C-alpha atoms as a PDB file:
ATOM      1  CA  UNK A   1      91.136 116.630 115.727  1.00  0.00           C
ATOM      2  CA  UNK A   2      90.620 113.177 117.188  1.00  0.00           C
ATOM      3  CA  UNK A   3      87.222 111.630 117.774  1.00  0.00           C
ATOM      4  CA  UNK A   4      87.807 111.855 121.544  1.00  0.00           C
ATOM      5  CA  UNK A   5      88.438 115.583 121.211  1.00  0.00           C
ATOM      6  CA  UNK A   6      85.355 115.992 119.035  1.00  0.00           C
ATOM      7  CA  UNK A   7      83.210 114.077 121.556  1.00  0.00           C
ATOM      8  CA  UNK A   8      84.593 116.093 124.488  1.00  0.00           C
ATOM      9  CA  UNK A   9      83.737 119.365 122.724  1.00  0.00           C
ATOM     10  CA  UNK A  10      80.241 118.075 121.946  1.00  0.00           C
ATOM     11  CA  UNK A  11      79.582 117.028 125.532  1.00  0.00           C
ATOM     12  CA  UNK A  12      81.085 120.074 127.245  1.00  0.00           C
ATOM     13  CA  UNK A  13      80.419 122.939 124.859  1.00  0.00           C
ATOM     14  CA  UNK A  14      77.366 121.880 122.853  1.00  0.00           C
ATOM     15  CA  UNK A  15      75.490 119.781 125.416  1.00  0.00           C
ATOM     16  CA  UNK A  16      76.687 121.944 128.336  1.00  0.00           C
ATOM     17  CA  UNK A  17      77.655 119.079 130.637  1.00  0.00           C
ATOM     18  CA  UNK A  18      79.951 119.646 133.584  1.00  0.00           C
ATOM     19  CA  UNK A  19      83.374 118.056 133.183  1.00  0.00           C
ATOM     20  CA  UNK A  20      82.680 115.361 135.780  1.00  0.00           C
ATOM     21  CA  UNK A  21      79.506 114.191 133.989  1.00  0.00           C
ATOM     22  CA  UNK A  22      81.071 114.409 130.543  1.00  0.00           C
ATOM     23  CA  UNK A  23      84.153 112.482 131.692  1.00  0.00           C
ATOM     24  CA  UNK A  24      81.931 109.756 133.106  1.00  0.00           C
ATOM     25  CA  UNK A  25      80.056 109.468 129.777  1.00  0.00           C
ATOM     26  CA  UNK A  26      83.366 109.111 127.935  1.00  0.00           C
ATOM     27  CA  UNK A  27      84.745 106.640 130.483  1.00  0.00           C
ATOM     28  CA  UNK A  28      87.770 108.779 131.419  1.00  0.00           C
ATOM     29  CA  UNK A  29      88.874 110.633 134.546  1.00  0.00           C
ATOM     30  CA  UNK A  30      88.026 114.302 134.962  1.00  0.00           C
ATOM     31  CA  UNK A  31      91.684 115.391 134.614  1.00  0.00           C
ATOM     32  CA  UNK A  32      91.972 113.359 131.388  1.00  0.00           C
ATOM     33  CA  UNK A  33      88.760 114.926 130.089  1.00  0.00           C
ATOM     34  CA  UNK A  34      90.197 118.371 130.872  1.00  0.00           C
ATOM     35  CA  UNK A  35      93.375 117.586 128.885  1.00  0.00           C
ATOM     36  CA  UNK A  36      91.293 116.313 125.943  1.00  0.00           C
ATOM     37  CA  UNK A  37      89.139 119.460 125.831  1.00  0.00           C
ATOM     38  CA  UNK A  38      92.193 121.732 126.171  1.00  0.00           C
ATOM     39  CA  UNK A  39      93.820 120.054 123.160  1.00  0.00           C
ATOM     40  CA  UNK A  40      90.569 120.301 121.183  1.00  0.00           C
ATOM     41  CA  UNK A  41      90.134 123.991 122.024  1.00  0.00           C
ATOM     42  CA  UNK A  42      93.691 124.743 120.843  1.00  0.00           C
ATOM     43  CA  UNK A  43      93.018 122.964 117.525  1.00  0.00           C
ATOM     44  CA  UNK A  44      89.666 124.711 117.050  1.00  0.00           C
ATOM     45  CA  UNK A  45      91.178 128.113 117.813  1.00  0.00           C
ATOM     46  CA  UNK A  46      94.041 127.495 115.370  1.00  0.00           C
ATOM     47  CA  UNK A  47      91.592 126.494 112.616  1.00  0.00           C
ATOM     48  CA  UNK A  48      89.330 129.500 113.196  1.00  0.00           C
ATOM     49  CA  UNK A  49      92.037 132.140 113.636  1.00  0.00           C
ATOM     50  CA  UNK A  50      94.219 130.938 110.754  1.00  0.00           C
ATOM     51  CA  UNK A  51      91.404 129.901 108.385  1.00  0.00           C
ATOM     52  CA  UNK A  52      92.501 126.267 108.329  1.00  0.00           C
ATOM     53  CA  UNK A  53      90.378 123.240 107.488  1.00  0.00           C
ATOM     54  CA  UNK A  54      89.387 121.132 110.469  1.00  0.00           C
ATOM     55  CA  UNK A  55      89.715 117.385 110.011  1.00  0.00           C
ATOM     56  CA  UNK A  56      88.002 115.029 112.429  1.00  0.00           C
ATOM     57  CA  UNK A  57      89.336 111.490 112.216  1.00  0.00           C
ATOM     58  CA  UNK A  58      89.993 108.365 114.168  1.00  0.00           C
ATOM     59  CA  UNK A  59      88.060 105.438 112.720  1.00  0.00           C
ATOM     60  CA  UNK A  60      84.533 104.206 112.147  1.00  0.00           C
ATOM     61  CA  UNK A  61      81.821 105.770 114.286  1.00  0.00           C
ATOM     62  CA  UNK A  62      78.508 104.198 115.239  1.00  0.00           C
ATOM     63  CA  UNK A  63      75.995 106.696 116.539  1.00  0.00           C
ATOM     64  CA  UNK A  64      72.878 105.343 118.221  1.00  0.00           C
ATOM     65  CA  UNK A  65      70.042 107.790 117.719  1.00  0.00           C
ATOM     66  CA  UNK A  66      72.083 110.968 118.052  1.00  0.00           C
ATOM     67  CA  UNK A  67      71.017 113.782 115.799  1.00  0.00           C
ATOM     68  CA  UNK A  68      73.381 116.658 115.179  1.00  0.00           C
ATOM     69  CA  UNK A  69      71.008 118.303 112.709  1.00  0.00           C
ATOM     70  CA  UNK A  70      68.249 117.483 110.249  1.00  0.00           C
ATOM     71  CA  UNK A  71      70.744 116.887 107.420  1.00  0.00           C
ATOM     72  CA  UNK A  72      72.812 114.419 109.423  1.00  0.00           C
ATOM     73  CA  UNK A  73      69.998 112.614 111.226  1.00  0.00           C
ATOM     74  CA  UNK A  74      71.087 109.021 111.825  1.00  0.00           C
ATOM     75  CA  UNK A  75      67.608 107.543 112.183  1.00  0.00           C
ATOM     76  CA  UNK A  76      64.996 106.697 109.578  1.00  0.00           C
ATOM     77  CA  UNK A  77      62.081 108.832 110.718  1.00  0.00           C
ATOM     78  CA  UNK A  78      59.462 106.376 109.482  1.00  0.00           C
ATOM     79  CA  UNK A  79      60.852 103.177 110.959  1.00  0.00           C
ATOM     80  CA  UNK A  80      63.135 104.527 113.708  1.00  0.00           C
ATOM     81  CA  UNK A  81      65.990 102.406 112.346  1.00  0.00           C
ATOM     82  CA  UNK A  82      69.605 103.579 112.100  1.00  0.00           C
ATOM     83  CA  UNK A  83      70.694 104.341 108.565  1.00  0.00           C
ATOM     84  CA  UNK A  84      73.854 105.442 106.798  1.00  0.00           C
ATOM     85  CA  UNK A  85      73.883 108.847 105.209  1.00  0.00           C
ATOM     86  CA  UNK A  86      76.521 110.363 103.012  1.00  0.00           C
ATOM     87  CA  UNK A  87      76.783 113.888 101.745  1.00  0.00           C
ATOM     88  CA  UNK A  88      77.885 117.224 103.128  1.00  0.00           C
ATOM     89  CA  UNK A  89      80.733 116.587 105.530  1.00  0.00           C
ATOM     90  CA  UNK A  90      80.455 112.793 105.403  1.00  0.00           C
ATOM     91  CA  UNK A  91      82.732 110.319 103.661  1.00  0.00           C
ATOM     92  CA  UNK A  92      80.391 107.332 103.898  1.00  0.00           C
ATOM     93  CA  UNK A  93      82.371 105.207 106.347  1.00  0.00           C
ATOM     94  CA  UNK A  94      82.464 108.001 108.909  1.00  0.00           C
ATOM     95  CA  UNK A  95      86.245 107.926 109.170  1.00  0.00           C
ATOM     96  CA  UNK A  96      87.018 111.529 108.258  1.00  0.00           C
ATOM     97  CA  UNK A  97      85.017 114.717 108.176  1.00  0.00           C
ATOM     98  CA  UNK A  98      86.639 117.799 106.759  1.00  0.00           C
ATOM     99  CA  UNK A  99      85.139 121.247 106.799  1.00  0.00           C
ATOM    100  CA  UNK A 100      86.603 124.625 106.077  1.00  0.00           C
ATOM    101  CA  UNK A 101      86.112 127.375 108.619  1.00  0.00           C
ATOM    102  CA  UNK A 102      84.406 130.417 107.099  1.00  0.00           C
END
């Protein structure tokens, strides 16, 4: 799965944005956003149905203050400064995340 596909899924499915708003945040047209999410949904369905690992890749990622969960919080809670975290699902540079569907 590409980073664009991952971001489209996050915006549309997790954050619940309408396609027009999500497309604007990604800087793409609504039809392009729709094609990106369709490709991502096919890859997610294939991974879930066939028990495949899902790899998210596409280069370094810089996240400004976004928190996906407590484990992967990108901000130092005491100073409010971005920090790098490695561990479950992270490779350090943020280039590839691989998880196995269970």
